[in-house]
Amino acid sequence: MASRAICALLLENHHVASMTRCAVSPNSGAISRCLLGQRHYKKQRAGFATLADSEKGLPRKELEYSNILLKVEGQDAAVLDHYCQFVKSSGHVLGLKTTKQFNLPTEAYKQVLANLPDSYKKHRVQYEFKKYGRMMQIKLLPVEQADIWLEYIQQNIPSGVNVHIELKTWQDYVSPPDPRIEEQRRVEMLRKKGIFNKEKSE
């Protein structure tokens, strides 16, 4: 009963007219096309955003984000753990699944603040801070739910917490691919299709 109430509140507070919808290719993870604007959207009685007429003919895989990577950073580890649990719970309401979650290395840095010259304390005070991080990966996020869910978790970000969202897998974040290897794979793919020889002859 509680999950239904949360879902209804989420969808009713969402403004369908302010959506920006894009289709993402599942193989490359890049945005392949921008879908139609707000005048083509329909609204049901519960506030759900339905697919436009031009989207219904597309394959199902073309209307899904293959991988969504969330990087959460902040000064308090307990707040980050609580927010990550909130993200998982909100995704569970919409039927989303978290495939990977792990902690990032803790970073320590120092900050120097200056006091007033006429104070009895030292002119400079040095503080040491620690920055914690969490990483989460959401797999197969439908386009019709992505704008609603992303806006919902964005509106509930705690104070002092930064959230970065990228379209890639956690393996690409831990060990980024070599650009030379990616270029070699692209050339081999073009050769198989016969496009590379045409470009070279021109």
N, C-alpha and C. Protein backbone atom coordinates (compact mmCIF):
# COMPACT_ATOMS: atom_id res chain seq x y z
N MET A 1 0.83 -1.21 0.00
CA MET A 1 0.00 0.00 0.00
C MET A 1 0.86 1.25 0.00
N ALA A 2 2.00 1.20 0.75
CA ALA A 2 2.87 2.36 0.80
C ALA A 2 3.52 2.62 -0.54
N SER A 3 3.91 1.54 -1.26
CA SER A 3 4.55 1.72 -2.56
C SER A 3 3.59 2.33 -3.56
N ARG A 4 2.33 1.97 -3.51
CA ARG A 4 1.36 2.57 -4.43
C ARG A 4 1.18 4.05 -4.14
N ALA A 5 1.17 4.43 -2.88
CA ALA A 5 1.00 5.84 -2.53
C ALA A 5 2.19 6.66 -3.01
N ILE A 6 3.41 6.11 -2.86
CA ILE A 6 4.60 6.83 -3.30
C ILE A 6 4.58 6.99 -4.81
N CYS A 7 4.22 5.95 -5.53
CA CYS A 7 4.18 6.01 -6.99
C CYS A 7 3.15 7.01 -7.47
N ALA A 8 1.98 7.04 -6.85
CA ALA A 8 0.94 7.98 -7.26
C ALA A 8 1.37 9.41 -6.99
N LEU A 9 2.02 9.66 -5.85
CA LEU A 9 2.48 11.00 -5.52
C LEU A 9 3.56 11.45 -6.49
N LEU A 10 4.44 10.53 -6.85
CA LEU A 10 5.50 10.85 -7.78
C LEU A 10 4.95 11.23 -9.14
N LEU A 11 4.01 10.48 -9.66
CA LEU A 11 3.52 10.72 -11.00
C LEU A 11 2.59 11.93 -11.06
N GLU A 12 1.85 12.20 -10.01
CA GLU A 12 0.95 13.33 -10.04
C GLU A 12 1.70 14.65 -9.93
N ASN A 13 2.86 14.66 -9.26
CA ASN A 13 3.62 15.88 -9.12
C ASN A 13 4.50 16.16 -10.32
N HIS A 14 4.58 15.23 -11.25
CA HIS A 14 5.46 15.41 -12.40
C HIS A 14 4.73 16.19 -13.49
N HIS A 15 5.43 17.15 -14.08
CA HIS A 15 4.87 17.96 -15.16
C HIS A 15 5.22 17.31 -16.49
N VAL A 16 4.23 16.79 -17.15
CA VAL A 16 4.47 16.09 -18.41
C VAL A 16 4.92 17.06 -19.50
N ALA A 17 4.46 18.32 -19.43
CA ALA A 17 4.78 19.28 -20.48
C ALA A 17 6.24 19.69 -20.47
N SER A 18 6.98 19.45 -19.38
CA SER A 18 8.37 19.88 -19.28
C SER A 18 9.35 18.76 -19.60
N MET A 19 8.89 17.68 -20.22
CA MET A 19 9.77 16.54 -20.48
C MET A 19 10.63 16.79 -21.70
N THR A 20 11.82 16.20 -21.71
CA THR A 20 12.68 16.13 -22.87
C THR A 20 13.04 14.67 -23.06
N ARG A 21 12.60 14.06 -24.13
CA ARG A 21 12.72 12.62 -24.31
C ARG A 21 13.71 12.32 -25.41
N CYS A 22 14.60 11.36 -25.20
CA CYS A 22 15.58 10.95 -26.20
C CYS A 22 15.62 9.43 -26.23
N ALA A 23 15.93 8.89 -27.39
CA ALA A 23 16.13 7.45 -27.54
C ALA A 23 17.61 7.17 -27.56
N VAL A 24 18.04 6.14 -26.84
CA VAL A 24 19.44 5.82 -26.68
C VAL A 24 19.69 4.45 -27.27
N SER A 25 20.73 4.34 -28.07
CA SER A 25 21.08 3.05 -28.66
C SER A 25 21.66 2.14 -27.59
N PRO A 26 21.17 0.91 -27.45
CA PRO A 26 21.66 0.03 -26.37
C PRO A 26 23.08 -0.46 -26.59
N ASN A 27 23.56 -0.47 -27.84
CA ASN A 27 24.90 -0.98 -28.10
C ASN A 27 25.97 0.04 -27.74
N SER A 28 25.81 1.27 -28.24
CA SER A 28 26.82 2.30 -28.00
C SER A 28 26.57 3.09 -26.74
N GLY A 29 25.32 3.17 -26.27
CA GLY A 29 25.01 3.95 -25.09
C GLY A 29 24.89 5.43 -25.36
N ALA A 30 24.97 5.84 -26.62
CA ALA A 30 24.88 7.26 -26.96
C ALA A 30 23.47 7.59 -27.42
N ILE A 31 23.14 8.87 -27.33
CA ILE A 31 21.82 9.32 -27.74
C ILE A 31 21.74 9.29 -29.26
N SER A 32 20.79 8.56 -29.79
CA SER A 32 20.70 8.38 -31.24
C SER A 32 19.72 9.34 -31.88
N ARG A 33 18.66 9.69 -31.19
CA ARG A 33 17.68 10.62 -31.77
C ARG A 33 16.90 11.29 -30.66
N CYS A 34 16.44 12.48 -30.93
CA CYS A 34 15.59 13.18 -29.99
C CYS A 34 14.15 12.98 -30.41
N LEU A 35 13.33 12.51 -29.51
CA LEU A 35 11.95 12.20 -29.84
C LEU A 35 11.11 13.46 -29.87
N LEU A 36 9.84 13.30 -30.19
CA LEU A 36 9.00 14.45 -30.42
C LEU A 36 8.78 15.26 -29.17
N GLY A 37 8.34 16.51 -29.35
CA GLY A 37 8.22 17.45 -28.25
C GLY A 37 6.96 17.23 -27.44
N GLN A 38 6.65 18.24 -26.61
CA GLN A 38 5.60 18.09 -25.62
C GLN A 38 4.20 18.01 -26.24
N ARG A 39 3.99 18.53 -27.42
CA ARG A 39 2.64 18.52 -27.99
C ARG A 39 2.21 17.12 -28.42
N HIS A 40 3.17 16.17 -28.53
CA HIS A 40 2.83 14.82 -28.95
C HIS A 40 2.62 13.87 -27.78
N TYR A 41 2.78 14.35 -26.54
CA TYR A 41 2.61 13.49 -25.39
C TYR A 41 1.15 13.42 -24.99
N LYS A 42 0.77 12.28 -24.44
CA LYS A 42 -0.56 12.08 -23.93
C LYS A 42 -0.48 11.91 -22.42
N LYS A 43 -1.56 12.17 -21.75
CA LYS A 43 -1.59 12.07 -20.29
C LYS A 43 -2.81 11.26 -19.87
N GLN A 44 -2.55 10.23 -19.06
CA GLN A 44 -3.63 9.41 -18.57
C GLN A 44 -4.14 9.96 -17.25
N ARG A 45 -5.15 9.33 -16.71
CA ARG A 45 -5.78 9.84 -15.51
C ARG A 45 -4.86 9.79 -14.30
N ALA A 46 -3.91 8.83 -14.27
CA ALA A 46 -3.00 8.72 -13.12
C ALA A 46 -1.76 9.56 -13.29
N GLY A 47 -1.59 10.25 -14.42
CA GLY A 47 -0.43 11.08 -14.63
C GLY A 47 0.71 10.39 -15.34
N PHE A 48 0.50 9.22 -15.93
CA PHE A 48 1.57 8.51 -16.62
C PHE A 48 1.84 9.19 -17.96
N ALA A 49 3.12 9.23 -18.34
CA ALA A 49 3.51 9.73 -19.65
C ALA A 49 3.55 8.55 -20.61
N THR A 50 2.72 8.54 -21.62
CA THR A 50 2.66 7.43 -22.56
C THR A 50 3.54 7.72 -23.76
N LEU A 51 3.77 6.71 -24.57
CA LEU A 51 4.59 6.85 -25.75
C LEU A 51 3.84 7.62 -26.83
N ALA A 52 4.59 8.43 -27.59
CA ALA A 52 4.00 9.13 -28.71
C ALA A 52 3.77 8.14 -29.85
N ASP A 53 3.00 8.59 -30.87
CA ASP A 53 2.68 7.70 -31.98
C ASP A 53 3.93 7.27 -32.75
N SER A 54 4.91 8.19 -32.88
CA SER A 54 6.13 7.85 -33.62
C SER A 54 7.03 6.90 -32.84
N GLU A 55 6.86 6.82 -31.52
CA GLU A 55 7.68 5.94 -30.70
C GLU A 55 7.17 4.50 -30.70
N LYS A 56 5.91 4.30 -30.99
CA LYS A 56 5.33 2.96 -30.90
C LYS A 56 5.90 2.02 -31.95
N GLY A 57 6.36 2.56 -33.09
CA GLY A 57 6.92 1.71 -34.13
C GLY A 57 8.37 1.32 -33.89
N LEU A 58 9.05 1.94 -32.92
CA LEU A 58 10.45 1.63 -32.66
C LEU A 58 10.58 0.32 -31.89
N PRO A 59 11.70 -0.40 -32.06
CA PRO A 59 11.93 -1.61 -31.27
C PRO A 59 12.00 -1.29 -29.79
N ARG A 60 11.72 -2.30 -28.97
CA ARG A 60 11.71 -2.09 -27.52
C ARG A 60 13.09 -1.71 -27.00
N LYS A 61 14.14 -2.31 -27.57
CA LYS A 61 15.49 -2.02 -27.09
C LYS A 61 15.91 -0.59 -27.40
N GLU A 62 15.35 0.02 -28.44
CA GLU A 62 15.69 1.40 -28.78
C GLU A 62 15.06 2.39 -27.81
N LEU A 63 14.13 1.95 -26.99
CA LEU A 63 13.46 2.82 -26.04
C LEU A 63 13.90 2.53 -24.61
N GLU A 64 15.13 2.06 -24.44
CA GLU A 64 15.66 1.75 -23.12
C GLU A 64 17.08 2.29 -22.99
N TYR A 65 17.40 2.78 -21.81
CA TYR A 65 18.78 3.10 -21.47
C TYR A 65 19.43 1.80 -20.99
N SER A 66 20.43 1.34 -21.71
CA SER A 66 21.03 0.05 -21.36
C SER A 66 21.69 0.08 -19.99
N ASN A 67 22.40 1.18 -19.67
CA ASN A 67 23.08 1.29 -18.38
C ASN A 67 23.05 2.73 -17.92
N ILE A 68 22.65 2.95 -16.67
CA ILE A 68 22.67 4.25 -16.03
C ILE A 68 23.60 4.15 -14.82
N LEU A 69 24.65 4.98 -14.80
CA LEU A 69 25.63 4.95 -13.73
C LEU A 69 25.46 6.20 -12.86
N LEU A 70 25.20 6.00 -11.58
CA LEU A 70 25.03 7.09 -10.62
C LEU A 70 26.23 7.14 -9.69
N LYS A 71 26.88 8.30 -9.66
CA LYS A 71 28.01 8.54 -8.76
C LYS A 71 27.57 9.56 -7.71
N VAL A 72 27.54 9.14 -6.45
CA VAL A 72 27.06 9.97 -5.34
C VAL A 72 28.26 10.31 -4.46
N GLU A 73 28.48 11.61 -4.20
CA GLU A 73 29.60 12.06 -3.39
C GLU A 73 29.11 13.01 -2.31
N GLY A 74 29.78 12.98 -1.15
CA GLY A 74 29.40 13.85 -0.05
C GLY A 74 30.37 13.74 1.10
N GLN A 75 30.12 14.54 2.16
CA GLN A 75 31.01 14.58 3.33
C GLN A 75 30.59 13.60 4.42
N ASP A 76 29.38 13.10 4.38
CA ASP A 76 28.86 12.21 5.42
C ASP A 76 28.52 10.86 4.80
N ALA A 77 29.19 9.81 5.28
CA ALA A 77 28.97 8.48 4.71
C ALA A 77 27.58 7.95 5.03
N ALA A 78 27.06 8.28 6.22
CA ALA A 78 25.72 7.79 6.60
C ALA A 78 24.65 8.39 5.71
N VAL A 79 24.80 9.67 5.35
CA VAL A 79 23.83 10.32 4.46
C VAL A 79 23.87 9.68 3.08
N LEU A 80 25.06 9.35 2.60
CA LEU A 80 25.17 8.71 1.29
C LEU A 80 24.52 7.34 1.28
N ASP A 81 24.74 6.56 2.34
CA ASP A 81 24.11 5.24 2.41
C ASP A 81 22.58 5.35 2.46
N HIS A 82 22.09 6.34 3.18
CA HIS A 82 20.63 6.52 3.27
C HIS A 82 20.06 6.95 1.91
N TYR A 83 20.77 7.82 1.20
CA TYR A 83 20.28 8.27 -0.11
C TYR A 83 20.34 7.13 -1.13
N CYS A 84 21.38 6.31 -1.08
CA CYS A 84 21.46 5.16 -2.00
C CYS A 84 20.32 4.18 -1.75
N GLN A 85 19.97 3.99 -0.49
CA GLN A 85 18.83 3.13 -0.18
C GLN A 85 17.53 3.74 -0.69
N PHE A 86 17.43 5.06 -0.62
CA PHE A 86 16.25 5.74 -1.16
C PHE A 86 16.16 5.57 -2.67
N VAL A 87 17.30 5.67 -3.37
CA VAL A 87 17.31 5.49 -4.82
C VAL A 87 16.88 4.08 -5.20
N LYS A 88 17.37 3.08 -4.46
CA LYS A 88 16.98 1.70 -4.74
C LYS A 88 15.50 1.47 -4.47
N SER A 89 14.98 2.07 -3.40
CA SER A 89 13.57 1.89 -3.06
C SER A 89 12.67 2.55 -4.09
N SER A 90 13.04 3.77 -4.53
CA SER A 90 12.23 4.45 -5.54
C SER A 90 12.29 3.73 -6.87
N GLY A 91 13.44 3.14 -7.22
CA GLY A 91 13.53 2.36 -8.45
C GLY A 91 12.73 1.07 -8.37
N HIS A 92 12.66 0.48 -7.17
CA HIS A 92 11.88 -0.75 -6.99
C HIS A 92 10.40 -0.49 -7.21
N VAL A 93 9.92 0.70 -6.86
CA VAL A 93 8.51 1.04 -7.08
C VAL A 93 8.19 1.03 -8.57
N LEU A 94 9.12 1.50 -9.40
CA LEU A 94 8.91 1.54 -10.85
C LEU A 94 9.40 0.28 -11.55
N GLY A 95 9.84 -0.72 -10.80
CA GLY A 95 10.28 -1.96 -11.41
C GLY A 95 11.70 -1.94 -11.91
N LEU A 96 12.55 -1.03 -11.42
CA LEU A 96 13.95 -0.94 -11.84
C LEU A 96 14.82 -1.80 -10.93
N LYS A 97 15.94 -2.24 -11.47
CA LYS A 97 16.83 -3.15 -10.73
C LYS A 97 18.23 -2.58 -10.69
N THR A 98 18.81 -2.56 -9.48
CA THR A 98 20.19 -2.13 -9.29
C THR A 98 21.11 -3.33 -9.46
N THR A 99 21.94 -3.32 -10.50
CA THR A 99 22.79 -4.46 -10.80
C THR A 99 24.14 -4.40 -10.11
N LYS A 100 24.59 -3.21 -9.72
CA LYS A 100 25.90 -3.08 -9.09
C LYS A 100 25.90 -1.89 -8.14
N GLN A 101 26.54 -2.06 -6.97
CA GLN A 101 26.68 -0.98 -6.00
C GLN A 101 27.95 -1.22 -5.19
N PHE A 102 28.81 -0.20 -5.11
CA PHE A 102 30.04 -0.34 -4.34
C PHE A 102 30.49 1.04 -3.86
N ASN A 103 31.42 1.04 -2.90
CA ASN A 103 31.95 2.27 -2.31
C ASN A 103 33.19 2.73 -3.08
N LEU A 104 33.30 4.03 -3.26
CA LEU A 104 34.48 4.61 -3.89
C LEU A 104 35.54 4.90 -2.82
N PRO A 105 36.81 4.99 -3.22
CA PRO A 105 37.86 5.31 -2.24
C PRO A 105 37.63 6.67 -1.59
N THR A 106 37.89 6.75 -0.30
CA THR A 106 37.72 8.00 0.44
C THR A 106 38.86 8.95 0.14
N GLU A 107 38.53 10.18 -0.18
CA GLU A 107 39.52 11.20 -0.49
C GLU A 107 39.59 12.20 0.66
N ALA A 108 40.81 12.50 1.11
CA ALA A 108 41.04 13.47 2.18
C ALA A 108 41.69 14.72 1.59
N TYR A 109 41.20 15.88 1.99
CA TYR A 109 41.78 17.15 1.54
C TYR A 109 41.73 18.15 2.68
N LYS A 110 42.57 19.17 2.59
CA LYS A 110 42.71 20.18 3.64
C LYS A 110 42.25 21.54 3.14
N GLN A 111 41.69 22.31 4.05
CA GLN A 111 41.18 23.64 3.74
C GLN A 111 41.71 24.62 4.79
N VAL A 112 42.30 25.71 4.34
CA VAL A 112 42.87 26.71 5.23
C VAL A 112 41.95 27.92 5.26
N LEU A 113 41.55 28.34 6.47
CA LEU A 113 40.70 29.51 6.65
C LEU A 113 41.46 30.56 7.45
N ALA A 114 41.25 31.82 7.11
CA ALA A 114 41.95 32.93 7.76
C ALA A 114 41.04 33.58 8.80
N ASN A 115 41.59 33.85 9.99
CA ASN A 115 40.88 34.57 11.04
C ASN A 115 41.18 36.07 10.96
N LEU A 116 40.48 36.85 11.75
CA LEU A 116 40.73 38.28 11.80
C LEU A 116 42.10 38.56 12.40
N PRO A 117 42.81 39.57 11.91
CA PRO A 117 44.16 39.84 12.44
C PRO A 117 44.17 40.22 13.91
N ASP A 118 43.10 40.88 14.42
CA ASP A 118 43.09 41.32 15.81
C ASP A 118 42.56 40.26 16.78
N SER A 119 42.32 39.04 16.30
CA SER A 119 41.85 37.99 17.19
C SER A 119 43.02 37.38 17.95
N TYR A 120 42.73 36.73 19.07
CA TYR A 120 43.76 36.13 19.89
C TYR A 120 44.17 34.75 19.38
N LYS A 121 43.48 34.27 18.38
CA LYS A 121 43.81 32.96 17.84
C LYS A 121 44.83 33.11 16.71
N LYS A 122 45.22 32.00 16.17
CA LYS A 122 46.14 32.03 15.04
C LYS A 122 45.46 32.66 13.83
N HIS A 123 46.27 33.27 12.98
CA HIS A 123 45.71 33.93 11.81
C HIS A 123 45.16 32.92 10.80
N ARG A 124 45.69 31.74 10.80
CA ARG A 124 45.25 30.72 9.86
C ARG A 124 44.91 29.43 10.61
N VAL A 125 43.80 28.85 10.23
CA VAL A 125 43.36 27.59 10.82
C VAL A 125 43.19 26.58 9.69
N GLN A 126 43.74 25.42 9.86
CA GLN A 126 43.69 24.38 8.83
C GLN A 126 42.72 23.28 9.26
N TYR A 127 41.79 22.96 8.36
CA TYR A 127 40.80 21.91 8.61
C TYR A 127 41.03 20.78 7.61
N GLU A 128 40.76 19.59 8.06
CA GLU A 128 40.90 18.41 7.20
C GLU A 128 39.53 17.78 7.00
N PHE A 129 39.17 17.57 5.74
CA PHE A 129 37.88 17.01 5.37
C PHE A 129 38.08 15.69 4.65
N LYS A 130 37.02 14.89 4.64
CA LYS A 130 37.01 13.63 3.90
C LYS A 130 35.79 13.60 2.99
N LYS A 131 36.03 13.16 1.78
CA LYS A 131 34.94 13.04 0.80
C LYS A 131 34.70 11.57 0.50
N TYR A 132 33.45 11.14 0.72
CA TYR A 132 33.05 9.76 0.48
C TYR A 132 32.28 9.67 -0.83
N GLY A 133 32.25 8.48 -1.39
CA GLY A 133 31.56 8.27 -2.65
C GLY A 133 30.91 6.91 -2.74
N ARG A 134 29.81 6.86 -3.46
CA ARG A 134 29.10 5.61 -3.72
C ARG A 134 28.80 5.53 -5.22
N MET A 135 28.79 4.30 -5.73
CA MET A 135 28.52 4.08 -7.15
C MET A 135 27.39 3.08 -7.28
N MET A 136 26.42 3.41 -8.15
CA MET A 136 25.29 2.53 -8.41
C MET A 136 25.06 2.43 -9.91
N GLN A 137 24.66 1.25 -10.35
CA GLN A 137 24.35 1.03 -11.76
C GLN A 137 22.94 0.49 -11.90
N ILE A 138 22.14 1.17 -12.72
CA ILE A 138 20.77 0.77 -13.03
C ILE A 138 20.75 0.24 -14.46
N LYS A 139 20.17 -0.92 -14.67
CA LYS A 139 20.18 -1.55 -15.99
C LYS A 139 18.79 -1.55 -16.58
N LEU A 140 18.73 -1.31 -17.91
CA LEU A 140 17.50 -1.37 -18.69
C LEU A 140 16.42 -0.45 -18.10
N LEU A 141 16.70 0.85 -18.20
CA LEU A 141 15.75 1.86 -17.73
C LEU A 141 14.89 2.31 -18.90
N PRO A 142 13.58 2.05 -18.91
CA PRO A 142 12.72 2.46 -20.02
C PRO A 142 12.66 3.98 -20.15
N VAL A 143 12.51 4.45 -21.38
CA VAL A 143 12.48 5.89 -21.64
C VAL A 143 11.26 6.53 -21.00
N GLU A 144 10.12 5.85 -21.02
CA GLU A 144 8.90 6.45 -20.47
C GLU A 144 8.94 6.58 -18.95
N GLN A 145 9.89 5.90 -18.29
CA GLN A 145 10.05 6.02 -16.84
C GLN A 145 11.29 6.81 -16.44
N ALA A 146 12.20 7.02 -17.38
CA ALA A 146 13.48 7.64 -17.04
C ALA A 146 13.31 9.08 -16.58
N ASP A 147 12.53 9.88 -17.33
CA ASP A 147 12.38 11.29 -16.97
C ASP A 147 11.69 11.45 -15.62
N ILE A 148 10.72 10.58 -15.33
CA ILE A 148 9.99 10.67 -14.07
C ILE A 148 10.90 10.28 -12.90
N TRP A 149 11.61 9.17 -13.06
CA TRP A 149 12.44 8.68 -11.96
C TRP A 149 13.64 9.59 -11.70
N LEU A 150 14.29 10.08 -12.76
CA LEU A 150 15.45 10.94 -12.58
C LEU A 150 15.07 12.27 -11.93
N GLU A 151 13.92 12.82 -12.30
CA GLU A 151 13.48 14.06 -11.66
C GLU A 151 13.13 13.82 -10.19
N TYR A 152 12.58 12.67 -9.89
CA TYR A 152 12.20 12.37 -8.51
C TYR A 152 13.42 12.25 -7.59
N ILE A 153 14.45 11.53 -8.04
CA ILE A 153 15.64 11.40 -7.20
C ILE A 153 16.44 12.70 -7.17
N GLN A 154 16.31 13.53 -8.20
CA GLN A 154 17.00 14.82 -8.21
C GLN A 154 16.38 15.79 -7.21
N GLN A 155 15.06 15.77 -7.10
CA GLN A 155 14.38 16.66 -6.17
C GLN A 155 14.60 16.27 -4.71
N ASN A 156 15.04 15.05 -4.45
CA ASN A 156 15.24 14.58 -3.07
C ASN A 156 16.71 14.40 -2.71
N ILE A 157 17.61 15.08 -3.42
CA ILE A 157 19.03 15.01 -3.08
C ILE A 157 19.28 15.75 -1.77
N PRO A 158 19.92 15.14 -0.78
CA PRO A 158 20.20 15.84 0.48
C PRO A 158 21.19 16.98 0.30
N SER A 159 21.25 17.86 1.29
CA SER A 159 22.18 18.98 1.24
C SER A 159 23.61 18.47 1.36
N GLY A 160 24.49 19.04 0.55
CA GLY A 160 25.90 18.63 0.58
C GLY A 160 26.21 17.37 -0.19
N VAL A 161 25.28 16.87 -0.98
CA VAL A 161 25.48 15.64 -1.75
C VAL A 161 25.45 15.97 -3.24
N ASN A 162 26.43 15.49 -3.97
CA ASN A 162 26.51 15.68 -5.41
C ASN A 162 26.23 14.35 -6.11
N VAL A 163 25.42 14.40 -7.16
CA VAL A 163 25.04 13.21 -7.92
C VAL A 163 25.41 13.42 -9.38
N HIS A 164 26.20 12.52 -9.93
CA HIS A 164 26.57 12.55 -11.35
C HIS A 164 25.96 11.33 -12.03
N ILE A 165 25.29 11.55 -13.16
CA ILE A 165 24.61 10.48 -13.89
C ILE A 165 25.23 10.38 -15.28
N GLU A 166 25.67 9.18 -15.65
CA GLU A 166 26.32 8.96 -16.94
C GLU A 166 25.74 7.71 -17.59
N LEU A 167 25.85 7.68 -18.93
CA LEU A 167 25.38 6.53 -19.70
C LEU A 167 26.56 5.61 -20.01
N LYS A 168 27.00 4.87 -19.02
CA LYS A 168 28.06 3.89 -19.21
C LYS A 168 28.02 2.88 -18.07
N THR A 169 28.82 1.83 -18.21
CA THR A 169 28.85 0.77 -17.21
C THR A 169 29.89 1.08 -16.15
N TRP A 170 29.82 0.36 -15.03
CA TRP A 170 30.79 0.57 -13.97
C TRP A 170 32.18 0.07 -14.37
N GLN A 171 32.25 -0.89 -15.30
CA GLN A 171 33.57 -1.34 -15.76
C GLN A 171 34.30 -0.22 -16.50
N ASP A 172 33.55 0.60 -17.28
CA ASP A 172 34.18 1.71 -17.98
C ASP A 172 34.67 2.78 -17.01
N TYR A 173 34.04 2.89 -15.86
CA TYR A 173 34.49 3.87 -14.87
C TYR A 173 35.73 3.38 -14.12
N VAL A 174 35.76 2.10 -13.76
CA VAL A 174 36.90 1.56 -13.02
C VAL A 174 38.13 1.47 -13.91
N SER A 175 37.97 0.95 -15.12
CA SER A 175 39.08 0.84 -16.08
C SER A 175 38.61 1.40 -17.42
N PRO A 176 38.82 2.71 -17.65
CA PRO A 176 38.35 3.33 -18.91
C PRO A 176 39.00 2.66 -20.12
N PRO A 177 38.27 2.47 -21.20
CA PRO A 177 38.83 1.84 -22.40
C PRO A 177 39.87 2.72 -23.07
N ASP A 178 40.85 2.09 -23.68
CA ASP A 178 41.91 2.81 -24.39
C ASP A 178 41.34 3.39 -25.68
N PRO A 179 41.53 4.70 -25.94
CA PRO A 179 40.99 5.28 -27.19
C PRO A 179 41.55 4.62 -28.45
N ARG A 180 42.80 4.16 -28.40
CA ARG A 180 43.39 3.52 -29.58
C ARG A 180 42.71 2.18 -29.89
N ILE A 181 42.36 1.44 -28.82
CA ILE A 181 41.66 0.17 -29.03
C ILE A 181 40.26 0.42 -29.58
N GLU A 182 39.59 1.46 -29.06
CA GLU A 182 38.26 1.79 -29.56
C GLU A 182 38.31 2.21 -31.02
N GLU A 183 39.34 2.97 -31.41
CA GLU A 183 39.48 3.38 -32.81
C GLU A 183 39.76 2.18 -33.71
N GLN A 184 40.57 1.24 -33.22
CA GLN A 184 40.85 0.04 -34.00
C GLN A 184 39.59 -0.80 -34.20
N ARG A 185 38.77 -0.92 -33.17
CA ARG A 185 37.52 -1.66 -33.30
C ARG A 185 36.58 -0.97 -34.28
N ARG A 186 36.57 0.36 -34.25
CA ARG A 186 35.69 1.08 -35.18
C ARG A 186 36.13 0.87 -36.62
N VAL A 187 37.45 0.89 -36.87
CA VAL A 187 37.96 0.68 -38.23
C VAL A 187 37.66 -0.74 -38.70
N GLU A 188 37.81 -1.72 -37.83
CA GLU A 188 37.51 -3.10 -38.21
C GLU A 188 36.03 -3.28 -38.53
N MET A 189 35.18 -2.60 -37.79
CA MET A 189 33.75 -2.69 -38.06
C MET A 189 33.40 -2.05 -39.40
N LEU A 190 34.07 -0.92 -39.70
CA LEU A 190 33.83 -0.27 -40.99
C LEU A 190 34.35 -1.11 -42.15
N ARG A 191 35.44 -1.81 -41.93
CA ARG A 191 35.97 -2.67 -42.99
C ARG A 191 35.03 -3.83 -43.29
N LYS A 192 34.43 -4.38 -42.26
CA LYS A 192 33.48 -5.47 -42.48
C LYS A 192 32.27 -4.99 -43.27
N LYS A 193 31.86 -3.77 -43.02
CA LYS A 193 30.71 -3.23 -43.74
C LYS A 193 31.09 -2.67 -45.10
N GLY A 194 32.40 -2.56 -45.40
CA GLY A 194 32.84 -2.01 -46.67
C GLY A 194 32.83 -0.51 -46.75
N ILE A 195 32.67 0.17 -45.63
CA ILE A 195 32.62 1.63 -45.64
C ILE A 195 34.02 2.22 -45.57
N PHE A 196 34.95 1.54 -44.89
CA PHE A 196 36.30 2.08 -44.70
C PHE A 196 37.02 2.20 -46.03
N ASN A 197 36.88 1.22 -46.92
CA ASN A 197 37.56 1.27 -48.21
C ASN A 197 37.01 2.39 -49.08
N LYS A 198 35.70 2.65 -48.98
CA LYS A 198 35.11 3.73 -49.77
C LYS A 198 35.63 5.09 -49.29
N GLU A 199 35.72 5.28 -47.96
CA GLU A 199 36.22 6.55 -47.44
C GLU A 199 37.68 6.76 -47.82
N LYS A 200 38.48 5.70 -47.82
CA LYS A 200 39.90 5.81 -48.16
C LYS A 200 40.09 6.14 -49.63
N SER A 201 39.26 5.58 -50.51
CA SER A 201 39.38 5.85 -51.94
C SER A 201 38.97 7.27 -52.28
N GLU A 202 37.98 7.81 -51.53
CA GLU A 202 37.55 9.18 -51.77
C GLU A 202 38.59 10.19 -51.30
